[in-house]
């Protein structure tokens, strides 16, 4: 009888921890998504409240579209977007090289399980791959969008 009670206590503890961990792994991503959605919804609502207050206080405020354009967040230029891709490509390549160097060093020295070592190599090659793809995207986009970037820069220079 004591063996069964001990088994039930251990099994109950395992099931309790499994339930707690499952709840954490399920609720944390849901909470993160909810917070992001809430942030963007609040941002849009605040902008709408500002426009509504301006229209209520001054009915002949003029063009509402112009007002919305003024309060809208600044859009990134093509050049800024391309430089961001270059930055992230550099970050991923450096991380990939670091993981690859670590994996090669550990592989040479020994002392790591083969499964973990394969995982480290996999992470290194995935990071390197993503970085190289971002670099290629930067180079190709820079060549394809050269005229648009130049036109955008001229428009900025002439409007200032």
Protein backbone atom coordinates (compact mmCIF):
# COMPACT_ATOMS: atom_id res chain seq x y z
CA UNK A 1 0.00 0.00 0.00
CA UNK A 2 2.85 2.37 0.80
CA UNK A 3 4.42 1.78 -2.61
CA UNK A 4 1.26 2.89 -4.37
CA UNK A 5 0.94 6.04 -2.25
CA UNK A 6 4.57 6.94 -2.95
CA UNK A 7 4.03 6.32 -6.64
CA UNK A 8 0.91 8.50 -6.62
CA UNK A 9 2.79 11.30 -4.83
CA UNK A 10 5.64 11.23 -7.35
CA UNK A 11 3.27 10.94 -10.30
CA UNK A 12 1.16 13.80 -8.94
CA UNK A 13 4.26 15.97 -8.61
CA UNK A 14 5.34 15.20 -12.15
CA UNK A 15 1.88 15.95 -13.50
CA UNK A 16 1.73 19.17 -11.48
CA UNK A 17 5.03 20.43 -12.88
CA UNK A 18 4.05 19.35 -16.37
CA UNK A 19 0.83 21.33 -16.07
CA UNK A 20 2.64 24.40 -14.76
CA UNK A 21 5.31 24.28 -17.48
CA UNK A 22 2.72 23.69 -20.21
CA UNK A 23 0.71 26.65 -18.97
CA UNK A 24 3.82 28.84 -19.01
CA UNK A 25 4.88 27.75 -22.49
CA UNK A 26 1.39 28.37 -23.83
CA UNK A 27 0.49 31.58 -22.01
CA UNK A 28 3.73 33.53 -22.44
CA UNK A 29 3.59 33.59 -26.28
CA UNK A 30 -0.11 34.43 -26.17
CA UNK A 31 0.58 37.29 -23.74
CA UNK A 32 3.39 38.62 -25.92
CA UNK A 33 1.19 38.63 -29.03
CA UNK A 34 -1.66 40.25 -27.06
CA UNK A 35 0.67 43.00 -25.80
CA UNK A 36 1.96 43.74 -29.30
CA UNK A 37 -1.56 43.92 -30.72
CA UNK A 38 -2.64 46.13 -27.83
CA UNK A 39 0.31 48.47 -28.38
CA UNK A 40 -0.50 49.02 -32.06
CA UNK A 41 -4.23 49.36 -31.37
CA UNK A 42 -3.57 52.00 -28.68
CA UNK A 43 -1.21 53.83 -31.02
CA UNK A 44 -3.89 53.99 -33.72
CA UNK A 45 -6.60 54.99 -31.22
CA UNK A 46 -4.45 57.84 -29.85
CA UNK A 47 -3.86 59.18 -33.35
CA UNK A 48 -7.59 59.03 -34.08
CA UNK A 49 -8.37 60.82 -30.80
CA UNK A 50 -5.95 63.62 -31.67
CA UNK A 51 -7.53 64.14 -35.07
CA UNK A 52 -11.03 64.01 -33.58
CA UNK A 53 -10.12 66.58 -30.92
CA UNK A 54 -8.63 68.93 -33.51
CA UNK A 55 -11.70 68.64 -35.73
CA UNK A 56 -14.06 69.22 -32.77
CA UNK A 57 -12.19 72.33 -31.58
CA UNK A 58 -11.64 73.76 -35.04
CA UNK A 59 -14.20 72.45 -37.58
CA UNK A 60 -12.59 74.34 -40.45
CA UNK A 61 -9.12 72.99 -39.63
CA UNK A 62 -8.52 72.28 -43.27
CA UNK A 63 -7.42 69.14 -44.98
CA UNK A 64 -7.67 66.15 -42.64
CA UNK A 65 -5.43 64.07 -44.91
CA UNK A 66 -2.63 66.63 -44.55
CA UNK A 67 -3.09 66.57 -40.79
CA UNK A 68 -2.90 62.77 -40.74
CA UNK A 69 0.25 62.86 -42.84
CA UNK A 70 1.84 65.26 -40.35
CA UNK A 71 1.13 63.06 -37.31
CA UNK A 72 2.02 59.82 -39.08
CA UNK A 73 5.35 58.29 -38.08
CA UNK A 74 8.22 58.96 -40.47
CA UNK A 75 8.63 56.27 -43.10
CA UNK A 76 12.08 54.81 -43.67
CA UNK A 77 13.75 55.61 -46.97
CA UNK A 78 14.86 52.86 -49.34
CA UNK A 79 18.47 53.52 -48.39
CA UNK A 80 17.69 53.13 -44.68
CA UNK A 81 15.87 49.86 -45.34
CA UNK A 82 18.80 48.54 -47.36
CA UNK A 83 21.30 49.55 -44.67
CA UNK A 84 19.16 47.75 -42.10
CA UNK A 85 19.39 44.57 -44.19
CA UNK A 86 23.16 45.03 -44.38
CA UNK A 87 23.32 45.46 -40.61
CA UNK A 88 21.28 42.33 -39.87
CA UNK A 89 23.21 40.37 -42.49
CA UNK A 90 26.44 41.35 -40.74
CA UNK A 91 25.05 40.38 -37.34
CA UNK A 92 23.91 36.96 -38.55
CA UNK A 93 27.19 36.25 -40.36
CA UNK A 94 29.25 37.18 -37.29
CA UNK A 95 27.05 35.04 -35.03
CA UNK A 96 27.30 32.15 -37.51
CA UNK A 97 31.08 32.44 -37.62
CA UNK A 98 31.22 32.53 -33.81
CA UNK A 99 29.06 29.42 -33.48
CA UNK A 100 31.05 27.66 -36.20
CA UNK A 101 34.33 28.54 -34.52
CA UNK A 102 32.99 27.32 -31.19
CA UNK A 103 31.76 24.07 -32.75
CA UNK A 104 35.08 23.47 -34.52
CA UNK A 105 37.03 24.18 -31.32
CA UNK A 106 34.86 21.84 -29.24
CA UNK A 107 34.98 19.22 -31.99
CA UNK A 108 38.78 19.41 -32.04
CA UNK A 109 39.13 19.33 -28.22
CA UNK A 110 36.38 16.78 -27.64
CA UNK A 111 34.15 16.70 -24.60
CA UNK A 112 30.72 17.36 -26.06
CA UNK A 113 27.98 14.92 -26.95
CA UNK A 114 27.68 14.26 -30.67
CA UNK A 115 24.01 15.29 -30.66
CA UNK A 116 24.81 18.66 -29.06
CA UNK A 117 27.75 19.20 -31.39
CA UNK A 118 25.57 18.52 -34.44
CA UNK A 119 23.05 21.02 -33.07
CA UNK A 120 25.78 23.64 -32.69
CA UNK A 121 26.94 23.05 -36.27
CA UNK A 122 23.33 23.31 -37.44
CA UNK A 123 22.80 26.62 -35.63
CA UNK A 124 26.08 27.94 -37.08
CA UNK A 125 25.14 27.04 -40.66
CA UNK A 126 21.59 28.39 -40.29
CA UNK A 127 22.90 31.72 -38.96
CA UNK A 128 25.51 31.89 -41.72
CA UNK A 129 22.87 31.07 -44.32
CA UNK A 130 20.49 33.76 -43.11
CA UNK A 131 23.31 36.30 -43.01
CA UNK A 132 24.48 35.45 -46.53
CA UNK A 133 20.91 35.66 -47.85
CA UNK A 134 20.52 39.12 -46.28
CA UNK A 135 23.84 40.20 -47.83
CA UNK A 136 22.73 38.94 -51.24
CA UNK A 137 19.38 40.69 -50.81
CA UNK A 138 21.22 43.92 -49.98
CA UNK A 139 23.52 43.72 -53.03
CA UNK A 140 20.76 42.78 -55.47
CA UNK A 141 18.32 45.36 -54.09
CA UNK A 142 20.98 48.06 -54.18
CA UNK A 143 21.59 47.40 -57.88
CA UNK A 144 17.91 47.09 -58.79
CA UNK A 145 16.75 50.13 -56.79
CA UNK A 146 19.66 52.47 -57.61
CA UNK A 147 17.48 54.83 -59.67
CA UNK A 148 14.70 54.90 -57.07
CA UNK A 149 17.19 55.62 -54.26
CA UNK A 150 18.74 58.45 -56.26
CA UNK A 151 15.30 59.92 -57.03
CA UNK A 152 14.31 59.67 -53.37
CA UNK A 153 17.51 61.43 -52.28
CA UNK A 154 16.95 64.20 -54.87
CA UNK A 155 13.38 64.66 -53.63
CA UNK A 156 14.62 64.96 -50.03
CA UNK A 157 17.34 67.45 -51.00
CA UNK A 158 14.93 69.61 -53.05
CA UNK A 159 12.20 69.59 -50.38
CA UNK A 160 14.57 70.75 -47.65
